[in-house]
Amino acid sequence: MANNNDKHFLEDFKNGNEKAIRKLYTLYYRPLCYFNQKIINYSQEAEDISTETFLKLLQKRKDFESLSEIRSFLFTASKNSCLDFLRKEKRHNKSHQEISLLSPLEELLVDQEVISAKVLQSIYAEIENLPNQCQQIFKSIYIEGKTTAEIAKEMGISTQTVLNQKAKALRKIRLALSHENLFSMAMLLKTLSLIALDSKQ
């Protein structure tokens, strides 16, 4: 979503526009699931928390004045729900021992996963902004796990074209993330690997 369209998009979302809601869901759902699962280690519960967080967002949609507020709400609400889940798990696992707070180390790990999830969300957003062929090739490689040869055959293009479009996509994403002060090569490569692995599960 380009900056000059943010205001209109936000208004559409606040008014309950289905297209705007679906767009936000597409951008944030998988990064939130990744974020939640990294904290609680249960995939189904992670997905449930992501869904519940979106329902909370929809209930409060008229309260937001910017897209950054929406993103902050999603990750903060998810984080709090995950911490509540872990506290309940600890109380259950340790019978009647009351545990009110996570350890400082656990809190630090949660904050690190927030950063990783924000990078992942930014990558998904930039993927949607790629030119059509470039976007299709990028998704085929990193989300669907297809080989260069498979993509070339399906699309009726040369393998070199596939490689060129892949490189073009990576350059655009690197540039976009550098503008947001979120990019590092190690983080990008790690996150892209997670996307590919997640798609195969």
C-alpha atoms as a PDB file:
ATOM      1  CA  MET A   1       0.000   0.000   0.000  1.00  0.00           C
ATOM      2  CA  ALA A   2       1.595   3.241  -1.125  1.00  0.00           C
ATOM      3  CA  ASN A   3       1.693   6.151   1.307  1.00  0.00           C
ATOM      4  CA  ASN A   4      -0.500   8.399  -0.866  1.00  0.00           C
ATOM      5  CA  ASN A   5      -3.231   5.757  -0.751  1.00  0.00           C
ATOM      6  CA  ASP A   6      -3.041   5.101   2.994  1.00  0.00           C
ATOM      7  CA  LYS A   7      -5.665   7.684   3.948  1.00  0.00           C
ATOM      8  CA  HIS A   8      -8.256   6.335   1.512  1.00  0.00           C
ATOM      9  CA  PHE A   9      -7.455   2.761   2.460  1.00  0.00           C
ATOM     10  CA  LEU A  10      -7.823   3.563   6.154  1.00  0.00           C
ATOM     11  CA  GLU A  11     -11.190   5.213   5.563  1.00  0.00           C
ATOM     12  CA  ASP A  12     -12.378   2.179   3.596  1.00  0.00           C
ATOM     13  CA  PHE A  13     -11.297  -0.100   6.423  1.00  0.00           C
ATOM     14  CA  LYS A  14     -12.983   2.024   9.090  1.00  0.00           C
ATOM     15  CA  ASN A  15     -16.172   1.955   7.027  1.00  0.00           C
ATOM     16  CA  GLY A  16     -16.087  -1.835   6.861  1.00  0.00           C
ATOM     17  CA  ASN A  17     -15.134  -2.128   3.192  1.00  0.00           C
ATOM     18  CA  GLU A  18     -14.691  -5.844   2.486  1.00  0.00           C
ATOM     19  CA  LYS A  19     -11.813  -5.343   0.048  1.00  0.00           C
ATOM     20  CA  ALA A  20      -9.854  -3.267   2.569  1.00  0.00           C
ATOM     21  CA  ILE A  21     -10.465  -5.834   5.319  1.00  0.00           C
ATOM     22  CA  ARG A  22      -9.285  -8.662   3.066  1.00  0.00           C
ATOM     23  CA  LYS A  23      -6.176  -6.676   2.151  1.00  0.00           C
ATOM     24  CA  LEU A  24      -5.226  -6.221   5.794  1.00  0.00           C
ATOM     25  CA  TYR A  25      -5.937  -9.883   6.478  1.00  0.00           C
ATOM     26  CA  THR A  26      -3.673 -10.926   3.587  1.00  0.00           C
ATOM     27  CA  LEU A  27      -0.845  -8.683   4.786  1.00  0.00           C
ATOM     28  CA  TYR A  28      -0.926  -9.573   8.459  1.00  0.00           C
ATOM     29  CA  TYR A  29      -2.477 -12.988   9.078  1.00  0.00           C
ATOM     30  CA  ARG A  30       0.480 -15.193   8.186  1.00  0.00           C
ATOM     31  CA  PRO A  31       3.072 -12.941   9.878  1.00  0.00           C
ATOM     32  CA  LEU A  32       0.904 -12.969  13.025  1.00  0.00           C
ATOM     33  CA  CYS A  33       0.626 -16.775  12.898  1.00  0.00           C
ATOM     34  CA  TYR A  34       4.411 -16.985  12.550  1.00  0.00           C
ATOM     35  CA  PHE A  35       4.851 -14.556  15.435  1.00  0.00           C
ATOM     36  CA  ASN A  36       2.399 -16.375  17.709  1.00  0.00           C
ATOM     37  CA  GLN A  37       3.743 -19.832  16.952  1.00  0.00           C
ATOM     38  CA  LYS A  38       7.297 -18.702  17.728  1.00  0.00           C
ATOM     39  CA  ILE A  39       6.102 -17.651  21.181  1.00  0.00           C
ATOM     40  CA  ILE A  40       3.761 -20.474  22.183  1.00  0.00           C
ATOM     41  CA  ASN A  41       4.947 -23.355  19.939  1.00  0.00           C
ATOM     42  CA  TYR A  42       1.414 -24.530  19.139  1.00  0.00           C
ATOM     43  CA  SER A  43       0.327 -23.986  15.540  1.00  0.00           C
ATOM     44  CA  GLN A  44      -3.439 -24.352  16.050  1.00  0.00           C
ATOM     45  CA  GLU A  45      -3.507 -22.048  19.072  1.00  0.00           C
ATOM     46  CA  ALA A  46      -1.301 -19.572  17.173  1.00  0.00           C
ATOM     47  CA  GLU A  47      -3.843 -19.476  14.348  1.00  0.00           C
ATOM     48  CA  ASP A  48      -6.713 -19.114  16.824  1.00  0.00           C
ATOM     49  CA  ILE A  49      -5.013 -16.156  18.479  1.00  0.00           C
ATOM     50  CA  SER A  50      -4.414 -14.536  15.075  1.00  0.00           C
ATOM     51  CA  THR A  51      -8.086 -14.930  14.174  1.00  0.00           C
ATOM     52  CA  GLU A  52      -9.237 -13.589  17.542  1.00  0.00           C
ATOM     53  CA  THR A  53      -6.902 -10.610  17.161  1.00  0.00           C
ATOM     54  CA  PHE A  54      -8.414  -9.740  13.794  1.00  0.00           C
ATOM     55  CA  LEU A  55     -11.901  -9.944  15.271  1.00  0.00           C
ATOM     56  CA  LYS A  56     -10.821  -7.513  17.987  1.00  0.00           C
ATOM     57  CA  LEU A  57      -9.380  -5.241  15.305  1.00  0.00           C
ATOM     58  CA  LEU A  58     -12.657  -5.210  13.389  1.00  0.00           C
ATOM     59  CA  GLN A  59     -14.598  -4.362  16.529  1.00  0.00           C
ATOM     60  CA  LYS A  60     -12.315  -1.389  17.172  1.00  0.00           C
ATOM     61  CA  ARG A  61     -11.707  -0.396  13.523  1.00  0.00           C
ATOM     62  CA  LYS A  62     -13.164   3.120  13.899  1.00  0.00           C
ATOM     63  CA  ASP A  63     -10.629   3.934  16.638  1.00  0.00           C
ATOM     64  CA  PHE A  64      -7.533   3.912  14.410  1.00  0.00           C
ATOM     65  CA  GLU A  65      -6.035   6.999  12.797  1.00  0.00           C
ATOM     66  CA  SER A  66      -3.159   5.401  10.868  1.00  0.00           C
ATOM     67  CA  LEU A  67      -1.988   2.084   9.454  1.00  0.00           C
ATOM     68  CA  SER A  68       0.930   2.089  11.887  1.00  0.00           C
ATOM     69  CA  GLU A  69      -1.587   2.136  14.749  1.00  0.00           C
ATOM     70  CA  ILE A  70      -3.316  -0.879  13.218  1.00  0.00           C
ATOM     71  CA  ARG A  71      -0.051  -2.812  12.938  1.00  0.00           C
ATOM     72  CA  SER A  72       0.914  -1.890  16.481  1.00  0.00           C
ATOM     73  CA  PHE A  73      -2.474  -3.028  17.761  1.00  0.00           C
ATOM     74  CA  LEU A  74      -2.267  -6.373  15.952  1.00  0.00           C
ATOM     75  CA  PHE A  75       1.149  -7.289  17.306  1.00  0.00           C
ATOM     76  CA  THR A  76       0.524  -5.933  20.796  1.00  0.00           C
ATOM     77  CA  ALA A  77      -2.814  -7.713  21.122  1.00  0.00           C
ATOM     78  CA  SER A  78      -1.304 -10.938  19.779  1.00  0.00           C
ATOM     79  CA  LYS A  79       1.652 -10.647  22.131  1.00  0.00           C
ATOM     80  CA  ASN A  80      -0.628 -10.160  25.138  1.00  0.00           C
ATOM     81  CA  SER A  81      -2.794 -13.115  24.137  1.00  0.00           C
ATOM     82  CA  CYS A  82       0.271 -15.304  23.714  1.00  0.00           C
ATOM     83  CA  LEU A  83       1.628 -14.297  27.116  1.00  0.00           C
ATOM     84  CA  ASP A  84      -1.751 -15.042  28.691  1.00  0.00           C
ATOM     85  CA  PHE A  85      -1.712 -18.448  27.016  1.00  0.00           C
ATOM     86  CA  LEU A  86       1.789 -19.208  28.338  1.00  0.00           C
ATOM     87  CA  ARG A  87       0.883 -18.131  31.849  1.00  0.00           C
ATOM     88  CA  LYS A  88      -2.143 -20.429  31.822  1.00  0.00           C
ATOM     89  CA  GLU A  89       0.021 -23.255  30.504  1.00  0.00           C
ATOM     90  CA  LYS A  90       2.561 -22.717  33.263  1.00  0.00           C
ATOM     91  CA  ARG A  91      -0.137 -22.680  35.926  1.00  0.00           C
ATOM     92  CA  HIS A  92      -1.580 -25.862  34.469  1.00  0.00           C
ATOM     93  CA  ASN A  93       1.780 -27.603  34.205  1.00  0.00           C
ATOM     94  CA  LYS A  94       2.887 -26.591  37.693  1.00  0.00           C
ATOM     95  CA  SER A  95      -0.416 -27.340  39.393  1.00  0.00           C
ATOM     96  CA  HIS A  96      -1.190 -24.662  41.955  1.00  0.00           C
ATOM     97  CA  GLN A  97       2.007 -22.619  41.640  1.00  0.00           C
ATOM     98  CA  GLU A  98       0.990 -19.086  40.715  1.00  0.00           C
ATOM     99  CA  ILE A  99       3.132 -17.494  37.976  1.00  0.00           C
ATOM    100  CA  SER A 100       2.248 -13.927  37.127  1.00  0.00           C
ATOM    101  CA  LEU A 101       5.115 -12.892  34.848  1.00  0.00           C
ATOM    102  CA  LEU A 102       7.407 -14.470  32.282  1.00  0.00           C
ATOM    103  CA  SER A 103      11.151 -14.377  32.895  1.00  0.00           C
ATOM    104  CA  PRO A 104      13.143 -11.438  31.476  1.00  0.00           C
ATOM    105  CA  LEU A 105      14.740 -13.823  28.961  1.00  0.00           C
ATOM    106  CA  GLU A 106      11.333 -14.972  27.733  1.00  0.00           C
ATOM    107  CA  GLU A 107      10.183 -11.360  27.393  1.00  0.00           C
ATOM    108  CA  LEU A 108      13.315 -10.566  25.361  1.00  0.00           C
ATOM    109  CA  LEU A 109      12.644 -13.488  23.026  1.00  0.00           C
ATOM    110  CA  VAL A 110       9.092 -12.223  22.491  1.00  0.00           C
ATOM    111  CA  ASP A 111      10.421  -8.784  21.519  1.00  0.00           C
ATOM    112  CA  GLN A 112      12.814 -10.412  19.034  1.00  0.00           C
ATOM    113  CA  GLU A 113       9.932 -12.282  17.424  1.00  0.00           C
ATOM    114  CA  VAL A 114       8.003  -9.007  17.104  1.00  0.00           C
ATOM    115  CA  ILE A 115      10.867  -7.667  14.984  1.00  0.00           C
ATOM    116  CA  SER A 116      10.987 -10.828  12.860  1.00  0.00           C
ATOM    117  CA  ALA A 117       7.232 -10.748  12.303  1.00  0.00           C
ATOM    118  CA  LYS A 118       7.317  -7.075  11.285  1.00  0.00           C
ATOM    119  CA  VAL A 119      10.003  -7.860   8.725  1.00  0.00           C
ATOM    120  CA  LEU A 120       7.881 -10.749   7.449  1.00  0.00           C
ATOM    121  CA  GLN A 121       4.820  -8.497   7.185  1.00  0.00           C
ATOM    122  CA  SER A 122       6.822  -5.902   5.257  1.00  0.00           C
ATOM    123  CA  ILE A 123       8.013  -8.574   2.845  1.00  0.00           C
ATOM    124  CA  TYR A 124       4.441  -9.738   2.198  1.00  0.00           C
ATOM    125  CA  ALA A 125       3.375  -6.135   1.608  1.00  0.00           C
ATOM    126  CA  GLU A 126       6.166  -5.556  -0.904  1.00  0.00           C
ATOM    127  CA  ILE A 127       5.442  -8.848  -2.692  1.00  0.00           C
ATOM    128  CA  GLU A 128       1.940  -7.514  -3.418  1.00  0.00           C
ATOM    129  CA  ASN A 129       3.488  -4.388  -4.958  1.00  0.00           C
ATOM    130  CA  LEU A 130       5.701  -6.274  -7.437  1.00  0.00           C
ATOM    131  CA  PRO A 131       4.844  -6.274 -11.178  1.00  0.00           C
ATOM    132  CA  ASN A 132       2.599  -9.200 -12.125  1.00  0.00           C
ATOM    133  CA  GLN A 133       5.177 -11.535 -13.681  1.00  0.00           C
ATOM    134  CA  CYS A 134       7.773 -10.683 -11.071  1.00  0.00           C
ATOM    135  CA  GLN A 135       5.260 -11.296  -8.282  1.00  0.00           C
ATOM    136  CA  GLN A 136       4.119 -14.606  -9.757  1.00  0.00           C
ATOM    137  CA  ILE A 137       7.684 -15.900 -10.050  1.00  0.00           C
ATOM    138  CA  PHE A 138       8.620 -14.747  -6.555  1.00  0.00           C
ATOM    139  CA  LYS A 139       5.591 -16.460  -5.000  1.00  0.00           C
ATOM    140  CA  SER A 140       6.232 -19.621  -7.003  1.00  0.00           C
ATOM    141  CA  ILE A 141       9.798 -19.835  -5.694  1.00  0.00           C
ATOM    142  CA  TYR A 142       9.500 -18.710  -2.087  1.00  0.00           C
ATOM    143  CA  ILE A 143       5.907 -19.582  -1.196  1.00  0.00           C
ATOM    144  CA  GLU A 144       5.071 -22.548  -3.412  1.00  0.00           C
ATOM    145  CA  GLY A 145       8.608 -23.981  -3.385  1.00  0.00           C
ATOM    146  CA  LYS A 146       8.806 -24.572  -7.147  1.00  0.00           C
ATOM    147  CA  THR A 147      12.067 -24.908  -9.062  1.00  0.00           C
ATOM    148  CA  THR A 148      13.299 -22.508 -11.729  1.00  0.00           C
ATOM    149  CA  ALA A 149      12.733 -25.147 -14.420  1.00  0.00           C
ATOM    150  CA  GLU A 150       9.166 -25.830 -13.247  1.00  0.00           C
ATOM    151  CA  ILE A 151       8.277 -22.149 -13.295  1.00  0.00           C
ATOM    152  CA  ALA A 152       9.834 -21.606 -16.723  1.00  0.00           C
ATOM    153  CA  LYS A 153       7.844 -24.522 -18.166  1.00  0.00           C
ATOM    154  CA  GLU A 154       4.548 -23.422 -16.574  1.00  0.00           C
ATOM    155  CA  MET A 155       4.908 -19.807 -17.708  1.00  0.00           C
ATOM    156  CA  GLY A 156       6.407 -20.546 -21.129  1.00  0.00           C
ATOM    157  CA  ILE A 157       9.530 -18.472 -20.527  1.00  0.00           C
ATOM    158  CA  SER A 158      13.255 -19.194 -20.299  1.00  0.00           C
ATOM    159  CA  THR A 159      14.952 -20.184 -17.048  1.00  0.00           C
ATOM    160  CA  GLN A 160      17.130 -17.072 -17.403  1.00  0.00           C
ATOM    161  CA  THR A 161      14.005 -14.904 -17.406  1.00  0.00           C
ATOM    162  CA  VAL A 162      12.869 -16.595 -14.216  1.00  0.00           C
ATOM    163  CA  LEU A 163      16.250 -15.915 -12.596  1.00  0.00           C
ATOM    164  CA  ASN A 164      16.230 -12.308 -13.784  1.00  0.00           C
ATOM    165  CA  GLN A 165      12.728 -11.714 -12.383  1.00  0.00           C
ATOM    166  CA  LYS A 166      13.703 -13.364  -9.109  1.00  0.00           C
ATOM    167  CA  ALA A 167      16.722 -11.055  -8.787  1.00  0.00           C
ATOM    168  CA  LYS A 168      14.561  -8.052  -9.677  1.00  0.00           C
ATOM    169  CA  ALA A 169      12.045  -8.970  -6.959  1.00  0.00           C
ATOM    170  CA  LEU A 170      14.752  -9.340  -4.322  1.00  0.00           C
ATOM    171  CA  ARG A 171      16.264  -5.964  -5.244  1.00  0.00           C
ATOM    172  CA  LYS A 172      12.894  -4.233  -4.929  1.00  0.00           C
ATOM    173  CA  ILE A 173      12.196  -5.856  -1.562  1.00  0.00           C
ATOM    174  CA  ARG A 174      15.662  -5.024  -0.225  1.00  0.00           C
ATOM    175  CA  LEU A 175      15.221  -1.394  -1.273  1.00  0.00           C
ATOM    176  CA  ALA A 176      11.754  -1.137   0.254  1.00  0.00           C
ATOM    177  CA  LEU A 177      12.850  -2.625   3.567  1.00  0.00           C
ATOM    178  CA  SER A 178      15.959  -0.446   3.730  1.00  0.00           C
ATOM    179  CA  HIS A 179      13.665   2.597   3.503  1.00  0.00           C
ATOM    180  CA  GLU A 180      11.776   1.269   6.530  1.00  0.00           C
ATOM    181  CA  ASN A 181      15.011   0.663   8.472  1.00  0.00           C
ATOM    182  CA  LEU A 182      14.048  -3.007   8.762  1.00  0.00           C
ATOM    183  CA  PHE A 183      16.370  -4.604   6.257  1.00  0.00           C
ATOM    184  CA  SER A 184      19.424  -6.742   6.891  1.00  0.00           C
ATOM    185  CA  MET A 185      20.570  -9.431   4.490  1.00  0.00           C
ATOM    186  CA  ALA A 186      20.662 -12.075   7.203  1.00  0.00           C
ATOM    187  CA  MET A 187      17.142 -11.300   8.378  1.00  0.00           C
ATOM    188  CA  LEU A 188      15.767 -11.229   4.844  1.00  0.00           C
ATOM    189  CA  LEU A 189      17.282 -14.566   3.877  1.00  0.00           C
ATOM    190  CA  LYS A 190      16.186 -16.143   7.148  1.00  0.00           C
ATOM    191  CA  THR A 191      12.638 -14.878   6.700  1.00  0.00           C
ATOM    192  CA  LEU A 192      12.383 -15.958   3.067  1.00  0.00           C
ATOM    193  CA  SER A 193      13.500 -19.421   4.127  1.00  0.00           C
ATOM    194  CA  LEU A 194      10.752 -19.455   6.759  1.00  0.00           C
ATOM    195  CA  ILE A 195       8.179 -18.490   4.106  1.00  0.00           C
ATOM    196  CA  ALA A 196       9.263 -21.399   1.920  1.00  0.00           C
ATOM    197  CA  LEU A 197       9.248 -23.861   4.821  1.00  0.00           C
ATOM    198  CA  ASP A 198       5.878 -22.637   6.067  1.00  0.00           C
ATOM    199  CA  SER A 199       4.309 -23.179   2.649  1.00  0.00           C
ATOM    200  CA  LYS A 200       5.357 -26.826   2.641  1.00  0.00           C
ATOM    201  CA  GLN A 201       3.907 -27.653   6.069  1.00  0.00           C
END
